[in-house]
Amino acid sequence: MDITILGIESSCDDTSAAVIRNRTLLSNVIASQAVHQKYGGVIPELASRAHQQNIIPVVDTALKEAGVSIDKIDAIAFTRGPGLLGSLLVGVSFAKGLSIANNIPLVEVNHLEGHILSHFVDMPDREIPHPDFPFLCLLVSGGHTQIVRVDEPTKMEIIGTTIDDAAGEAFDKCAKVMGLPYPGGPIIDRLAKEGNPKAFKFAKPHVEGEFDYSFSGLKTSFLYTLRDAVQENPNFIEENKADLCASLQKTIVDILVDKLIKASKATGIKDIAIAGGVSANSGLRDGITEAGRKRGWRTFLPELKFTTDNAAMIATAGHYHYMAGEISSLEVSPVARIQDL
């Protein structure tokens, strides 16, 4: 029997809706918010207002592009959290209203699980390789950095996490210090291709947790390097921008990959995936691929369109929860922090 899922994603600053049938993607519509760029980061209140404006046309467009009417939807999957509370509230409330109006079951999705399960989105025109269970997933984004053991689609365990900042925060905050526009991560990636990754050395953390991460020390080391150099040469950043970006990116990638190698050795798992916004970083993709080649891993890199927040991953995660009989109550509320999910 065909199962058709409508997915709704509104955890941060992208409003997205997607339709899948038996995990095959029929549509995936995303409305991004440019309003935050001049502030150097996402403004929660502005994000919430933009979601309110975007969600009806985005969902309507997703259904039309899929060629599916609302009465053919078997379940509505929505992001419950983690994320910005106001943004989540828009998506959760809309999903509830659509559920009540059309008598369609609701399925709540953990946003981070969605990123991991983006590896199981099937395309209508081609087959995409999927990891086998169990596999390890390095989840890297602006707010989270985790190593997750995935035993089943609905059974995951975080075995390593950041004790302070996430990798994406390190990229964006260091970019801000250099005067780069927001979001800084993609700009650092672009400039790094022109620089020497061995030009500068930055601090690497020593963390008690075997698979845990820390990026606060790296940020401090980067800041002190720039501060001391600029005192001697006010044009230091502009003259060395590419080398700074290349060295910073290599340091972050090395930190991420080193712990992933340890996790693979400890668990014996050699199906390795990455997910989340930072998984679009070319240095990380190359680093994971090279580590896998040396160690006999099967590595899985998400398509770039599935690295950012999107509803295709939410619909896919919703598919698995729906098949497991996990239906949400209308009493469900959005949750900002992962600890409360």
C-alpha atoms as a PDB file:
ATOM      1  CA  MET A   1       0.000   0.000   0.000  1.00  0.00           C
ATOM      2  CA  ASP A   2       1.300   3.440  -0.921  1.00  0.00           C
ATOM      3  CA  ILE A   3       1.987   5.787   1.988  1.00  0.00           C
ATOM      4  CA  THR A   4       2.010   9.506   1.187  1.00  0.00           C
ATOM      5  CA  ILE A   5       3.459  11.915   3.746  1.00  0.00           C
ATOM      6  CA  LEU A   6       3.344  15.712   3.831  1.00  0.00           C
ATOM      7  CA  GLY A   7       6.353  17.111   5.691  1.00  0.00           C
ATOM      8  CA  ILE A   8       6.534  20.572   7.289  1.00  0.00           C
ATOM      9  CA  GLU A   9       9.779  22.157   8.516  1.00  0.00           C
ATOM     10  CA  SER A  10      10.005  25.503  10.359  1.00  0.00           C
ATOM     11  CA  SER A  11      12.713  25.096  12.985  1.00  0.00           C
ATOM     12  CA  CYS A  12      14.817  28.143  12.121  1.00  0.00           C
ATOM     13  CA  ASP A  13      14.754  30.513   9.153  1.00  0.00           C
ATOM     14  CA  ASP A  14      13.646  28.237   6.287  1.00  0.00           C
ATOM     15  CA  THR A  15       9.981  27.440   5.700  1.00  0.00           C
ATOM     16  CA  SER A  16       9.719  24.152   3.834  1.00  0.00           C
ATOM     17  CA  ALA A  17       7.095  21.621   2.786  1.00  0.00           C
ATOM     18  CA  ALA A  18       7.594  18.350   0.941  1.00  0.00           C
ATOM     19  CA  VAL A  19       5.561  15.389  -0.229  1.00  0.00           C
ATOM     20  CA  ILE A  20       6.942  11.845  -0.381  1.00  0.00           C
ATOM     21  CA  ARG A  21       5.318   8.584  -1.390  1.00  0.00           C
ATOM     22  CA  ASN A  22       6.944   5.473   0.029  1.00  0.00           C
ATOM     23  CA  ARG A  23      10.083   7.584   0.654  1.00  0.00           C
ATOM     24  CA  THR A  24      10.202   8.724  -2.989  1.00  0.00           C
ATOM     25  CA  LEU A  25      10.369  12.496  -3.201  1.00  0.00           C
ATOM     26  CA  LEU A  26       7.542  14.125  -5.142  1.00  0.00           C
ATOM     27  CA  SER A  27       8.195  17.744  -4.151  1.00  0.00           C
ATOM     28  CA  ASN A  28      10.386  19.779  -1.808  1.00  0.00           C
ATOM     29  CA  VAL A  29       9.690  23.515  -1.580  1.00  0.00           C
ATOM     30  CA  ILE A  30      11.833  25.893   0.512  1.00  0.00           C
ATOM     31  CA  ALA A  31      11.334  29.585   1.222  1.00  0.00           C
ATOM     32  CA  SER A  32      14.489  31.131   2.666  1.00  0.00           C
ATOM     33  CA  GLN A  33      14.666  34.374   4.638  1.00  0.00           C
ATOM     34  CA  ALA A  34      17.152  36.996   3.478  1.00  0.00           C
ATOM     35  CA  VAL A  35      15.992  39.478   6.134  1.00  0.00           C
ATOM     36  CA  HIS A  36      18.561  38.210   8.673  1.00  0.00           C
ATOM     37  CA  GLN A  37      21.702  38.864   6.634  1.00  0.00           C
ATOM     38  CA  LYS A  38      22.101  42.512   7.613  1.00  0.00           C
ATOM     39  CA  TYR A  39      21.975  41.564  11.316  1.00  0.00           C
ATOM     40  CA  GLY A  40      24.750  38.966  11.136  1.00  0.00           C
ATOM     41  CA  GLY A  41      22.502  36.172  12.453  1.00  0.00           C
ATOM     42  CA  VAL A  42      18.937  34.923  12.702  1.00  0.00           C
ATOM     43  CA  ILE A  43      16.531  37.237  14.553  1.00  0.00           C
ATOM     44  CA  PRO A  44      13.875  34.939  16.113  1.00  0.00           C
ATOM     45  CA  GLU A  45      10.982  37.400  15.936  1.00  0.00           C
ATOM     46  CA  LEU A  46      11.633  38.193  12.279  1.00  0.00           C
ATOM     47  CA  ALA A  47      11.917  34.483  11.530  1.00  0.00           C
ATOM     48  CA  SER A  48       8.538  33.765  13.126  1.00  0.00           C
ATOM     49  CA  ARG A  49       6.829  36.509  11.125  1.00  0.00           C
ATOM     50  CA  ALA A  50       8.361  35.273   7.883  1.00  0.00           C
ATOM     51  CA  HIS A  51       7.176  31.719   8.601  1.00  0.00           C
ATOM     52  CA  GLN A  52       3.639  33.024   9.066  1.00  0.00           C
ATOM     53  CA  GLN A  53       3.796  34.695   5.677  1.00  0.00           C
ATOM     54  CA  ASN A  54       5.377  31.755   3.896  1.00  0.00           C
ATOM     55  CA  ILE A  55       3.809  28.610   5.269  1.00  0.00           C
ATOM     56  CA  ILE A  56       0.485  28.609   3.394  1.00  0.00           C
ATOM     57  CA  PRO A  57       1.954  29.282  -0.080  1.00  0.00           C
ATOM     58  CA  VAL A  58       4.847  26.858   0.565  1.00  0.00           C
ATOM     59  CA  VAL A  59       2.553  23.970   1.567  1.00  0.00           C
ATOM     60  CA  ASP A  60       0.152  24.744  -1.282  1.00  0.00           C
ATOM     61  CA  THR A  61       3.014  24.770  -3.794  1.00  0.00           C
ATOM     62  CA  ALA A  62       4.432  21.491  -2.460  1.00  0.00           C
ATOM     63  CA  LEU A  63       1.078  19.742  -2.905  1.00  0.00           C
ATOM     64  CA  LYS A  64       0.606  21.158  -6.400  1.00  0.00           C
ATOM     65  CA  GLU A  65       4.129  20.262  -7.543  1.00  0.00           C
ATOM     66  CA  ALA A  66       3.615  16.728  -6.232  1.00  0.00           C
ATOM     67  CA  GLY A  67       0.273  16.459  -7.989  1.00  0.00           C
ATOM     68  CA  VAL A  68      -1.330  15.320  -4.744  1.00  0.00           C
ATOM     69  CA  SER A  69      -4.517  16.669  -3.186  1.00  0.00           C
ATOM     70  CA  ILE A  70      -4.762  17.020   0.580  1.00  0.00           C
ATOM     71  CA  ASP A  71      -7.278  14.162   0.831  1.00  0.00           C
ATOM     72  CA  LYS A  72      -4.605  11.768  -0.483  1.00  0.00           C
ATOM     73  CA  ILE A  73      -2.188  12.544   2.352  1.00  0.00           C
ATOM     74  CA  ASP A  74      -1.881   9.690   4.880  1.00  0.00           C
ATOM     75  CA  ALA A  75      -0.040  11.687   7.567  1.00  0.00           C
ATOM     76  CA  ILE A  76       1.403  15.125   8.259  1.00  0.00           C
ATOM     77  CA  ALA A  77       4.950  15.037   9.607  1.00  0.00           C
ATOM     78  CA  PHE A  78       6.154  18.192  11.329  1.00  0.00           C
ATOM     79  CA  THR A  79       9.279  19.349  13.140  1.00  0.00           C
ATOM     80  CA  ARG A  80       8.584  19.495  16.859  1.00  0.00           C
ATOM     81  CA  GLY A  81      12.106  20.594  17.791  1.00  0.00           C
ATOM     82  CA  PRO A  82      14.780  21.500  18.539  1.00  0.00           C
ATOM     83  CA  GLY A  83      14.861  25.009  17.121  1.00  0.00           C
ATOM     84  CA  LEU A  84      13.580  28.540  17.615  1.00  0.00           C
ATOM     85  CA  LEU A  85      10.418  28.294  19.689  1.00  0.00           C
ATOM     86  CA  GLY A  86       8.488  30.942  17.752  1.00  0.00           C
ATOM     87  CA  SER A  87       9.404  29.420  14.404  1.00  0.00           C
ATOM     88  CA  LEU A  88       8.488  25.929  15.567  1.00  0.00           C
ATOM     89  CA  LEU A  89       5.182  27.209  16.904  1.00  0.00           C
ATOM     90  CA  VAL A  90       4.156  28.374  13.426  1.00  0.00           C
ATOM     91  CA  GLY A  91       4.824  24.990  11.849  1.00  0.00           C
ATOM     92  CA  VAL A  92       3.325  22.939  14.673  1.00  0.00           C
ATOM     93  CA  SER A  93       0.184  25.085  14.821  1.00  0.00           C
ATOM     94  CA  PHE A  94      -0.298  24.945  11.059  1.00  0.00           C
ATOM     95  CA  ALA A  95       0.166  21.163  11.037  1.00  0.00           C
ATOM     96  CA  LYS A  96      -2.432  20.803  13.802  1.00  0.00           C
ATOM     97  CA  GLY A  97      -4.937  22.959  11.961  1.00  0.00           C
ATOM     98  CA  LEU A  98      -4.442  21.054   8.732  1.00  0.00           C
ATOM     99  CA  SER A  99      -4.805  17.787  10.635  1.00  0.00           C
ATOM    100  CA  ILE A 100      -8.077  18.822  12.289  1.00  0.00           C
ATOM    101  CA  ALA A 101      -9.569  20.272   9.117  1.00  0.00           C
ATOM    102  CA  ASN A 102      -8.828  17.190   7.023  1.00  0.00           C
ATOM    103  CA  ASN A 103      -8.834  14.405   9.651  1.00  0.00           C
ATOM    104  CA  ILE A 104      -5.215  13.454   8.893  1.00  0.00           C
ATOM    105  CA  PRO A 105      -2.920  11.883  11.535  1.00  0.00           C
ATOM    106  CA  LEU A 106       0.016  13.890  12.873  1.00  0.00           C
ATOM    107  CA  VAL A 107       3.566  12.577  13.237  1.00  0.00           C
ATOM    108  CA  GLU A 108       6.137  14.573  15.218  1.00  0.00           C
ATOM    109  CA  VAL A 109       9.775  14.541  14.103  1.00  0.00           C
ATOM    110  CA  ASN A 110      13.018  15.391  15.873  1.00  0.00           C
ATOM    111  CA  HIS A 111      14.735  17.854  13.537  1.00  0.00           C
ATOM    112  CA  LEU A 112      18.135  16.231  14.075  1.00  0.00           C
ATOM    113  CA  GLU A 113      16.786  12.767  13.286  1.00  0.00           C
ATOM    114  CA  GLY A 114      15.445  14.290  10.098  1.00  0.00           C
ATOM    115  CA  HIS A 115      18.930  15.377   9.048  1.00  0.00           C
ATOM    116  CA  ILE A 116      20.265  11.878   9.674  1.00  0.00           C
ATOM    117  CA  LEU A 117      17.445  10.201   7.766  1.00  0.00           C
ATOM    118  CA  SER A 118      17.905  12.505   4.785  1.00  0.00           C
ATOM    119  CA  HIS A 119      20.172   9.708   3.551  1.00  0.00           C
ATOM    120  CA  PHE A 120      17.033   7.635   2.921  1.00  0.00           C
ATOM    121  CA  VAL A 121      15.200  10.049   0.640  1.00  0.00           C
ATOM    122  CA  ASP A 122      14.637   8.250  -2.667  1.00  0.00           C
ATOM    123  CA  MET A 123      14.610  10.220  -5.904  1.00  0.00           C
ATOM    124  CA  PRO A 124      12.031   9.466  -8.612  1.00  0.00           C
ATOM    125  CA  ASP A 125      14.605   9.436 -11.432  1.00  0.00           C
ATOM    126  CA  ARG A 126      17.585   7.672  -9.863  1.00  0.00           C
ATOM    127  CA  GLU A 127      18.716   5.429  -7.034  1.00  0.00           C
ATOM    128  CA  ILE A 128      20.799   6.914  -4.220  1.00  0.00           C
ATOM    129  CA  PRO A 129      22.947   4.575  -2.086  1.00  0.00           C
ATOM    130  CA  HIS A 130      21.768   4.260   1.527  1.00  0.00           C
ATOM    131  CA  PRO A 131      23.865   3.224   4.524  1.00  0.00           C
ATOM    132  CA  ASP A 132      23.138  -0.115   6.161  1.00  0.00           C
ATOM    133  CA  PHE A 133      22.156  -0.354   9.821  1.00  0.00           C
ATOM    134  CA  PRO A 134      23.921   0.156  12.102  1.00  0.00           C
ATOM    135  CA  PHE A 135      25.829   3.176  10.840  1.00  0.00           C
ATOM    136  CA  LEU A 136      27.524   6.196  12.378  1.00  0.00           C
ATOM    137  CA  CYS A 137      26.430   9.683  11.427  1.00  0.00           C
ATOM    138  CA  LEU A 138      28.429  12.833  12.085  1.00  0.00           C
ATOM    139  CA  LEU A 139      25.737  15.476  12.497  1.00  0.00           C
ATOM    140  CA  VAL A 140      27.223  18.950  12.066  1.00  0.00           C
ATOM    141  CA  SER A 141      25.256  22.185  11.961  1.00  0.00           C
ATOM    142  CA  GLY A 142      25.220  25.703  13.342  1.00  0.00           C
ATOM    143  CA  GLY A 143      23.768  24.547  16.636  1.00  0.00           C
ATOM    144  CA  HIS A 144      24.772  20.897  17.007  1.00  0.00           C
ATOM    145  CA  THR A 145      27.810  18.673  16.569  1.00  0.00           C
ATOM    146  CA  GLN A 146      27.212  15.022  17.394  1.00  0.00           C
ATOM    147  CA  ILE A 147      28.282  11.508  16.542  1.00  0.00           C
ATOM    148  CA  VAL A 148      25.158   9.372  16.424  1.00  0.00           C
ATOM    149  CA  ARG A 149      24.939   5.588  16.291  1.00  0.00           C
ATOM    150  CA  VAL A 150      21.917   4.681  14.155  1.00  0.00           C
ATOM    151  CA  ASP A 151      20.695   1.122  14.770  1.00  0.00           C
ATOM    152  CA  GLU A 152      17.272   1.564  13.168  1.00  0.00           C
ATOM    153  CA  PRO A 153      15.374   4.482  11.594  1.00  0.00           C
ATOM    154  CA  THR A 154      13.695   5.172  14.931  1.00  0.00           C
ATOM    155  CA  LYS A 155      16.472   3.941  17.222  1.00  0.00           C
ATOM    156  CA  MET A 156      19.452   6.288  17.572  1.00  0.00           C
ATOM    157  CA  GLU A 157      22.022   6.953  20.290  1.00  0.00           C
ATOM    158  CA  ILE A 158      24.222  10.024  20.655  1.00  0.00           C
ATOM    159  CA  ILE A 159      27.687   8.704  21.551  1.00  0.00           C
ATOM    160  CA  GLY A 160      29.557  11.995  21.183  1.00  0.00           C
ATOM    161  CA  THR A 161      28.572  15.651  21.335  1.00  0.00           C
ATOM    162  CA  THR A 162      30.041  19.123  21.706  1.00  0.00           C
ATOM    163  CA  ILE A 163      30.525  20.334  25.268  1.00  0.00           C
ATOM    164  CA  ASP A 164      30.329  23.994  24.202  1.00  0.00           C
ATOM    165  CA  ASP A 165      30.039  25.450  20.692  1.00  0.00           C
ATOM    166  CA  ALA A 166      29.097  23.607  17.528  1.00  0.00           C
ATOM    167  CA  ALA A 167      31.304  23.413  14.437  1.00  0.00           C
ATOM    168  CA  GLY A 168      28.956  25.685  12.522  1.00  0.00           C
ATOM    169  CA  GLU A 169      29.201  28.300  15.271  1.00  0.00           C
ATOM    170  CA  ALA A 170      32.979  28.176  15.061  1.00  0.00           C
ATOM    171  CA  PHE A 171      32.834  28.839  11.332  1.00  0.00           C
ATOM    172  CA  ASP A 172      30.299  31.663  11.587  1.00  0.00           C
ATOM    173  CA  LYS A 173      31.833  33.423  14.603  1.00  0.00           C
ATOM    174  CA  CYS A 174      35.357  33.307  13.202  1.00  0.00           C
ATOM    175  CA  ALA A 175      33.975  34.606   9.916  1.00  0.00           C
ATOM    176  CA  LYS A 176      32.385  37.517  11.765  1.00  0.00           C
ATOM    177  CA  VAL A 177      35.724  38.394  13.380  1.00  0.00           C
ATOM    178  CA  MET A 178      37.226  38.591   9.887  1.00  0.00           C
ATOM    179  CA  GLY A 179      34.427  40.889   8.748  1.00  0.00           C
ATOM    180  CA  LEU A 180      32.801  38.324   6.455  1.00  0.00           C
ATOM    181  CA  PRO A 181      29.026  38.535   5.918  1.00  0.00           C
ATOM    182  CA  TYR A 182      26.539  36.094   7.467  1.00  0.00           C
ATOM    183  CA  PRO A 183      26.368  33.148   7.063  1.00  0.00           C
ATOM    184  CA  GLY A 184      30.141  32.933   7.171  1.00  0.00           C
ATOM    185  CA  GLY A 185      30.624  29.174   6.814  1.00  0.00           C
ATOM    186  CA  PRO A 186      30.051  28.976   3.025  1.00  0.00           C
ATOM    187  CA  ILE A 187      32.272  32.029   2.462  1.00  0.00           C
ATOM    188  CA  ILE A 188      35.111  30.474   4.475  1.00  0.00           C
ATOM    189  CA  ASP A 189      34.705  27.314   2.388  1.00  0.00           C
ATOM    190  CA  ARG A 190      35.003  29.311  -0.834  1.00  0.00           C
ATOM    191  CA  LEU A 191      38.024  31.345   0.301  1.00  0.00           C
ATOM    192  CA  ALA A 192      39.740  28.248   1.743  1.00  0.00           C
ATOM    193  CA  LYS A 193      40.097  26.850  -1.777  1.00  0.00           C
ATOM    194  CA  GLU A 194      42.445  29.753  -2.560  1.00  0.00           C
ATOM    195  CA  GLY A 195      44.558  29.540   0.607  1.00  0.00           C
ATOM    196  CA  ASN A 196      47.288  27.481   2.265  1.00  0.00           C
ATOM    197  CA  PRO A 197      45.840  25.234   5.009  1.00  0.00           C
ATOM    198  CA  LYS A 198      49.261  25.011   6.683  1.00  0.00           C
ATOM    199  CA  ALA A 199      49.819  28.761   6.916  1.00  0.00           C
ATOM    200  CA  PHE A 200      48.528  29.077  10.485  1.00  0.00           C
ATOM    201  CA  LYS A 201      48.146  26.711  13.433  1.00  0.00           C
ATOM    202  CA  PHE A 202      45.207  27.007  15.811  1.00  0.00           C
ATOM    203  CA  ALA A 203      44.494  25.244  19.093  1.00  0.00           C
ATOM    204  CA  LYS A 204      42.918  21.799  19.084  1.00  0.00           C
ATOM    205  CA  PRO A 205      40.929  20.726  22.135  1.00  0.00           C
ATOM    206  CA  HIS A 206      41.633  18.023  24.684  1.00  0.00           C
ATOM    207  CA  VAL A 207      38.229  16.783  25.840  1.00  0.00           C
ATOM    208  CA  GLU A 208      37.556  14.163  28.515  1.00  0.00           C
ATOM    209  CA  GLY A 209      34.744  12.455  26.585  1.00  0.00           C
ATOM    210  CA  GLU A 210      36.261   9.964  24.134  1.00  0.00           C
ATOM    211  CA  PHE A 211      34.004  11.059  21.278  1.00  0.00           C
ATOM    212  CA  ASP A 212      33.060  14.558  22.493  1.00  0.00           C
ATOM    213  CA  TYR A 213      33.941  17.839  20.813  1.00  0.00           C
ATOM    214  CA  SER A 214      34.875  21.363  21.865  1.00  0.00           C
ATOM    215  CA  PHE A 215      35.344  24.435  19.676  1.00  0.00           C
ATOM    216  CA  SER A 216      35.528  27.289  22.193  1.00  0.00           C
ATOM    217  CA  GLY A 217      39.314  27.021  22.515  1.00  0.00           C
ATOM    218  CA  LEU A 218      39.728  27.089  18.757  1.00  0.00           C
ATOM    219  CA  LYS A 219      37.705  30.288  18.540  1.00  0.00           C
ATOM    220  CA  THR A 220      39.819  31.892  21.278  1.00  0.00           C
ATOM    221  CA  SER A 221      43.037  30.844  19.556  1.00  0.00           C
ATOM    222  CA  PHE A 222      41.788  32.268  16.269  1.00  0.00           C
ATOM    223  CA  LEU A 223      40.772  35.541  17.918  1.00  0.00           C
ATOM    224  CA  TYR A 224      44.136  35.986  19.678  1.00  0.00           C
ATOM    225  CA  THR A 225      46.027  35.251  16.460  1.00  0.00           C
ATOM    226  CA  LEU A 226      44.121  37.982  14.663  1.00  0.00           C
ATOM    227  CA  ARG A 227      44.338  40.446  17.546  1.00  0.00           C
ATOM    228  CA  ASP A 228      48.096  40.185  17.902  1.00  0.00           C
ATOM    229  CA  ALA A 229      48.727  40.277  14.164  1.00  0.00           C
ATOM    230  CA  VAL A 230      46.432  43.244  13.510  1.00  0.00           C
ATOM    231  CA  GLN A 231      48.233  45.274  16.171  1.00  0.00           C
ATOM    232  CA  GLU A 232      51.399  44.988  14.081  1.00  0.00           C
ATOM    233  CA  ASN A 233      49.703  45.165  10.661  1.00  0.00           C
ATOM    234  CA  PRO A 234      46.215  46.681  10.364  1.00  0.00           C
ATOM    235  CA  ASN A 235      45.818  45.049   6.929  1.00  0.00           C
ATOM    236  CA  PHE A 236      46.718  41.582   8.204  1.00  0.00           C
ATOM    237  CA  ILE A 237      43.237  40.058   7.815  1.00  0.00           C
ATOM    238  CA  GLU A 238      42.703  41.329   4.284  1.00  0.00           C
ATOM    239  CA  GLU A 239      46.183  40.264   3.179  1.00  0.00           C
ATOM    240  CA  ASN A 240      45.873  36.769   4.701  1.00  0.00           C
ATOM    241  CA  LYS A 241      42.151  36.077   4.450  1.00  0.00           C
ATOM    242  CA  ALA A 242      42.409  33.023   2.186  1.00  0.00           C
ATOM    243  CA  ASP A 243      45.175  31.434   4.283  1.00  0.00           C
ATOM    244  CA  LEU A 244      43.264  32.131   7.502  1.00  0.00           C
ATOM    245  CA  CYS A 245      40.151  30.489   6.063  1.00  0.00           C
ATOM    246  CA  ALA A 246      42.064  27.488   4.752  1.00  0.00           C
ATOM    247  CA  SER A 247      43.879  26.941   8.067  1.00  0.00           C
ATOM    248  CA  LEU A 248      40.708  27.384  10.112  1.00  0.00           C
ATOM    249  CA  GLN A 249      38.759  24.994   7.930  1.00  0.00           C
ATOM    250  CA  LYS A 250      41.471  22.338   8.064  1.00  0.00           C
ATOM    251  CA  THR A 251      41.619  22.576  11.860  1.00  0.00           C
ATOM    252  CA  ILE A 252      37.854  22.154  12.243  1.00  0.00           C
ATOM    253  CA  VAL A 253      37.762  19.266   9.772  1.00  0.00           C
ATOM    254  CA  ASP A 254      40.673  17.522  11.509  1.00  0.00           C
ATOM    255  CA  ILE A 255      38.896  17.823  14.879  1.00  0.00           C
ATOM    256  CA  LEU A 256      35.675  16.401  13.447  1.00  0.00           C
ATOM    257  CA  VAL A 257      37.256  13.536  11.535  1.00  0.00           C
ATOM    258  CA  ASP A 258      39.647  12.471  14.320  1.00  0.00           C
ATOM    259  CA  LYS A 259      36.790  11.754  16.746  1.00  0.00           C
ATOM    260  CA  LEU A 260      34.796  10.002  14.035  1.00  0.00           C
ATOM    261  CA  ILE A 261      37.751   7.710  13.356  1.00  0.00           C
ATOM    262  CA  LYS A 262      37.905   6.857  17.068  1.00  0.00           C
ATOM    263  CA  ALA A 263      34.164   6.118  17.139  1.00  0.00           C
ATOM    264  CA  SER A 264      34.427   3.834  14.118  1.00  0.00           C
ATOM    265  CA  LYS A 265      37.317   1.909  15.674  1.00  0.00           C
ATOM    266  CA  ALA A 266      35.524   1.542  19.014  1.00  0.00           C
ATOM    267  CA  THR A 267      32.216   0.372  17.527  1.00  0.00           C
ATOM    268  CA  GLY A 268      33.551  -1.560  14.556  1.00  0.00           C
ATOM    269  CA  ILE A 269      31.044   0.260  12.330  1.00  0.00           C
ATOM    270  CA  LYS A 270      32.304   1.165   8.860  1.00  0.00           C
ATOM    271  CA  ASP A 271      29.204   2.640   7.266  1.00  0.00           C
ATOM    272  CA  ILE A 272      29.825   6.337   7.937  1.00  0.00           C
ATOM    273  CA  ALA A 273      27.530   9.243   7.032  1.00  0.00           C
ATOM    274  CA  ILE A 274      27.524  12.992   7.571  1.00  0.00           C
ATOM    275  CA  ALA A 275      24.506  15.278   7.774  1.00  0.00           C
ATOM    276  CA  GLY A 276      23.483  18.824   8.682  1.00  0.00           C
ATOM    277  CA  GLY A 277      24.327  22.223   7.277  1.00  0.00           C
ATOM    278  CA  VAL A 278      28.103  21.912   7.723  1.00  0.00           C
ATOM    279  CA  SER A 279      28.061  18.641   5.746  1.00  0.00           C
ATOM    280  CA  ALA A 280      27.960  20.900   2.663  1.00  0.00           C
ATOM    281  CA  ASN A 281      31.492  22.081   3.492  1.00  0.00           C
ATOM    282  CA  SER A 282      33.833  20.843   0.760  1.00  0.00           C
ATOM    283  CA  GLY A 283      36.762  20.430   3.172  1.00  0.00           C
ATOM    284  CA  LEU A 284      34.717  18.169   5.432  1.00  0.00           C
ATOM    285  CA  ARG A 285      33.356  16.165   2.517  1.00  0.00           C
ATOM    286  CA  ASP A 286      36.894  15.642   1.197  1.00  0.00           C
ATOM    287  CA  GLY A 287      38.193  14.821   4.677  1.00  0.00           C
ATOM    288  CA  ILE A 288      35.529  12.178   5.324  1.00  0.00           C
ATOM    289  CA  THR A 289      36.011  10.687   1.880  1.00  0.00           C
ATOM    290  CA  GLU A 290      39.793  10.447   2.344  1.00  0.00           C
ATOM    291  CA  ALA A 291      39.451   8.953   5.833  1.00  0.00           C
ATOM    292  CA  GLY A 292      37.032   6.394   4.443  1.00  0.00           C
ATOM    293  CA  ARG A 293      39.356   5.473   1.598  1.00  0.00           C
ATOM    294  CA  LYS A 294      42.203   4.799   4.037  1.00  0.00           C
ATOM    295  CA  ARG A 295      40.072   2.803   6.489  1.00  0.00           C
ATOM    296  CA  GLY A 296      37.753   0.845   4.229  1.00  0.00           C
ATOM    297  CA  TRP A 297      34.617   2.794   5.158  1.00  0.00           C
ATOM    298  CA  ARG A 298      31.541   3.089   3.038  1.00  0.00           C
ATOM    299  CA  THR A 299      31.005   6.839   3.219  1.00  0.00           C
ATOM    300  CA  PHE A 300      27.711   8.590   2.533  1.00  0.00           C
ATOM    301  CA  LEU A 301      27.568  12.289   1.724  1.00  0.00           C
ATOM    302  CA  PRO A 302      24.148  13.932   1.436  1.00  0.00           C
ATOM    303  CA  GLU A 303      23.213  15.772  -1.725  1.00  0.00           C
ATOM    304  CA  LEU A 304      23.817  19.461  -1.172  1.00  0.00           C
ATOM    305  CA  LYS A 305      20.114  20.299  -1.352  1.00  0.00           C
ATOM    306  CA  PHE A 306      19.486  18.012   1.620  1.00  0.00           C
ATOM    307  CA  THR A 307      22.206  19.493   3.844  1.00  0.00           C
ATOM    308  CA  THR A 308      20.225  22.611   4.743  1.00  0.00           C
ATOM    309  CA  ASP A 309      16.894  22.569   6.588  1.00  0.00           C
ATOM    310  CA  ASN A 310      14.269  21.009   4.335  1.00  0.00           C
ATOM    311  CA  ALA A 311      10.968  19.197   4.651  1.00  0.00           C
ATOM    312  CA  ALA A 312      12.000  16.189   2.550  1.00  0.00           C
ATOM    313  CA  MET A 313      14.030  14.882   5.490  1.00  0.00           C
ATOM    314  CA  ILE A 314      11.140  15.585   7.887  1.00  0.00           C
ATOM    315  CA  ALA A 315       8.705  13.707   5.656  1.00  0.00           C
ATOM    316  CA  THR A 316      11.139  10.779   5.395  1.00  0.00           C
ATOM    317  CA  ALA A 317      11.590  10.575   9.161  1.00  0.00           C
ATOM    318  CA  GLY A 318       7.817  10.900   9.477  1.00  0.00           C
ATOM    319  CA  HIS A 319       7.386   7.954   7.123  1.00  0.00           C
ATOM    320  CA  TYR A 320       9.324   5.685   9.464  1.00  0.00           C
ATOM    321  CA  HIS A 321       7.493   6.886  12.575  1.00  0.00           C
ATOM    322  CA  TYR A 322       4.139   6.483  10.846  1.00  0.00           C
ATOM    323  CA  MET A 323       5.012   2.929   9.766  1.00  0.00           C
ATOM    324  CA  ALA A 324       5.937   2.218  13.397  1.00  0.00           C
ATOM    325  CA  GLY A 325       2.497   3.408  14.498  1.00  0.00           C
ATOM    326  CA  GLU A 326       3.837   6.485  16.294  1.00  0.00           C
ATOM    327  CA  ILE A 327       1.005   8.997  15.933  1.00  0.00           C
ATOM    328  CA  SER A 328       1.158  12.355  17.736  1.00  0.00           C
ATOM    329  CA  SER A 329      -1.518  13.867  19.917  1.00  0.00           C
ATOM    330  CA  LEU A 330      -3.074  17.232  19.145  1.00  0.00           C
ATOM    331  CA  GLU A 331      -1.835  18.250  22.591  1.00  0.00           C
ATOM    332  CA  VAL A 332       1.803  18.168  21.432  1.00  0.00           C
ATOM    333  CA  SER A 333       3.790  21.386  21.883  1.00  0.00           C
ATOM    334  CA  PRO A 334       6.970  22.587  20.163  1.00  0.00           C
ATOM    335  CA  VAL A 335      10.237  22.126  22.041  1.00  0.00           C
ATOM    336  CA  ALA A 336      13.226  24.452  21.673  1.00  0.00           C
ATOM    337  CA  ARG A 337      15.897  22.275  23.315  1.00  0.00           C
ATOM    338  CA  ILE A 338      16.934  18.774  22.335  1.00  0.00           C
ATOM    339  CA  GLN A 339      17.062  17.752  26.007  1.00  0.00           C
ATOM    340  CA  ASP A 340      13.276  18.210  26.254  1.00  0.00           C
ATOM    341  CA  LEU A 341      12.355  16.004  23.292  1.00  0.00           C
END
